[in-house]
Protein backbone atom coordinates (compact mmCIF):
# COMPACT_ATOMS: atom_id res chain seq x y z
CA UNK A 1 -20.06 -8.82 20.15
CA UNK A 2 -17.54 -8.74 17.46
CA UNK A 3 -19.51 -6.88 15.23
CA UNK A 4 -19.61 -4.04 17.88
CA UNK A 5 -15.79 -4.21 18.22
CA UNK A 6 -15.23 -3.93 14.38
CA UNK A 7 -17.72 -1.01 14.18
CA UNK A 8 -15.99 0.85 17.06
CA UNK A 9 -12.35 0.31 16.42
CA UNK A 10 -12.75 -0.14 12.81
CA UNK A 11 -15.36 2.42 11.33
CA UNK A 12 -15.26 5.02 14.21
CA UNK A 13 -11.70 5.00 15.31
CA UNK A 14 -10.50 5.10 11.84
CA UNK A 15 -12.82 7.67 10.72
CA UNK A 16 -11.62 9.67 14.03
CA UNK A 17 -8.17 9.50 13.21
CA UNK A 18 -8.62 10.29 9.64
CA UNK A 19 -10.49 13.60 10.73
CA UNK A 20 -7.96 14.38 13.53
CA UNK A 21 -5.02 14.02 10.83
CA UNK A 22 -6.42 17.00 8.93
CA UNK A 23 -5.66 19.37 11.73
CA UNK A 24 -1.92 18.60 11.76
CA UNK A 25 -1.25 18.74 7.93
CA UNK A 26 -0.78 22.41 8.05
CA UNK A 27 2.25 22.63 10.38
CA UNK A 28 5.64 21.16 9.17
CA UNK A 29 6.80 20.06 12.27
CA UNK A 30 3.41 18.02 13.00
CA UNK A 31 3.86 16.04 9.57
CA UNK A 32 4.94 12.73 11.15
CA UNK A 33 1.88 12.89 13.62
CA UNK A 34 -0.10 13.63 10.61
CA UNK A 35 0.71 10.93 8.55
CA UNK A 36 0.67 8.41 11.29
CA UNK A 37 -3.01 9.35 12.28
CA UNK A 38 -3.91 9.05 8.62
CA UNK A 39 -2.49 5.73 8.14
CA UNK A 40 -3.61 4.50 11.33
CA UNK A 41 -7.20 5.65 10.48
CA UNK A 42 -7.12 4.19 6.53
CA UNK A 43 -5.76 0.73 8.19
CA UNK A 44 -8.62 0.69 10.70
CA UNK A 45 -11.40 1.66 8.15
CA UNK A 46 -9.72 -1.35 5.99
CA UNK A 47 -9.91 -3.84 8.66
CA UNK A 48 -13.67 -3.10 9.03
CA UNK A 49 -14.08 -3.53 5.13
CA UNK A 50 -12.16 -6.74 5.39
CA UNK A 51 -14.55 -8.17 8.15
CA UNK A 52 -17.39 -7.44 5.63
CA UNK A 53 -16.01 -8.83 2.54
CA UNK A 54 -14.29 -11.69 4.64
CA UNK A 55 -10.58 -10.97 3.69
CA UNK A 56 -8.11 -12.14 5.96
CA UNK A 57 -5.29 -9.78 4.64
CA UNK A 58 -7.50 -6.74 5.09
CA UNK A 59 -8.55 -7.88 8.69
CA UNK A 60 -5.01 -8.20 9.63
CA UNK A 61 -4.53 -4.32 9.06
CA UNK A 62 -6.43 -3.66 11.94
CA UNK A 63 -3.84 -5.60 14.17
CA UNK A 64 -1.22 -3.33 12.50
CA UNK A 65 -3.23 0.16 13.22
CA UNK A 66 -4.42 -0.82 16.62
CA UNK A 67 -1.10 -2.18 17.84
CA UNK A 68 2.25 -0.61 16.47
CA UNK A 69 0.83 2.12 14.53
CA UNK A 70 -1.24 3.43 17.22
CA UNK A 71 1.82 3.09 19.64
CA UNK A 72 3.91 5.16 17.23
CA UNK A 73 1.13 7.68 16.97
CA UNK A 74 0.90 8.07 20.58
CA UNK A 75 4.66 8.42 20.77
CA UNK A 76 4.67 11.11 18.32
CA UNK A 77 1.96 13.05 20.23
CA UNK A 78 3.72 13.10 23.19
CA UNK A 79 7.00 14.09 21.73
CA UNK A 80 5.01 17.16 20.15
CA UNK A 81 3.73 17.96 23.51
CA UNK A 82 6.92 18.27 25.05
CA UNK A 83 7.92 21.12 22.60
């Protein structure tokens, strides 16, 4: 079960955030959303890699990506939707 969670949250969620961030890099007012999506995606993928190579430091990046960083990303997207 842990392998499916790491695959879903680490790989697919991370790649999805990275792919979504590309759409927001073009506009100047959306750069915070683009960078927060990119950092969240990279941290998520590194967390999946950390599980594969058994690295605690890389695995803990997932806790940062899925907790505070994703919360900040949602905050930025809600603020952008108000404009």
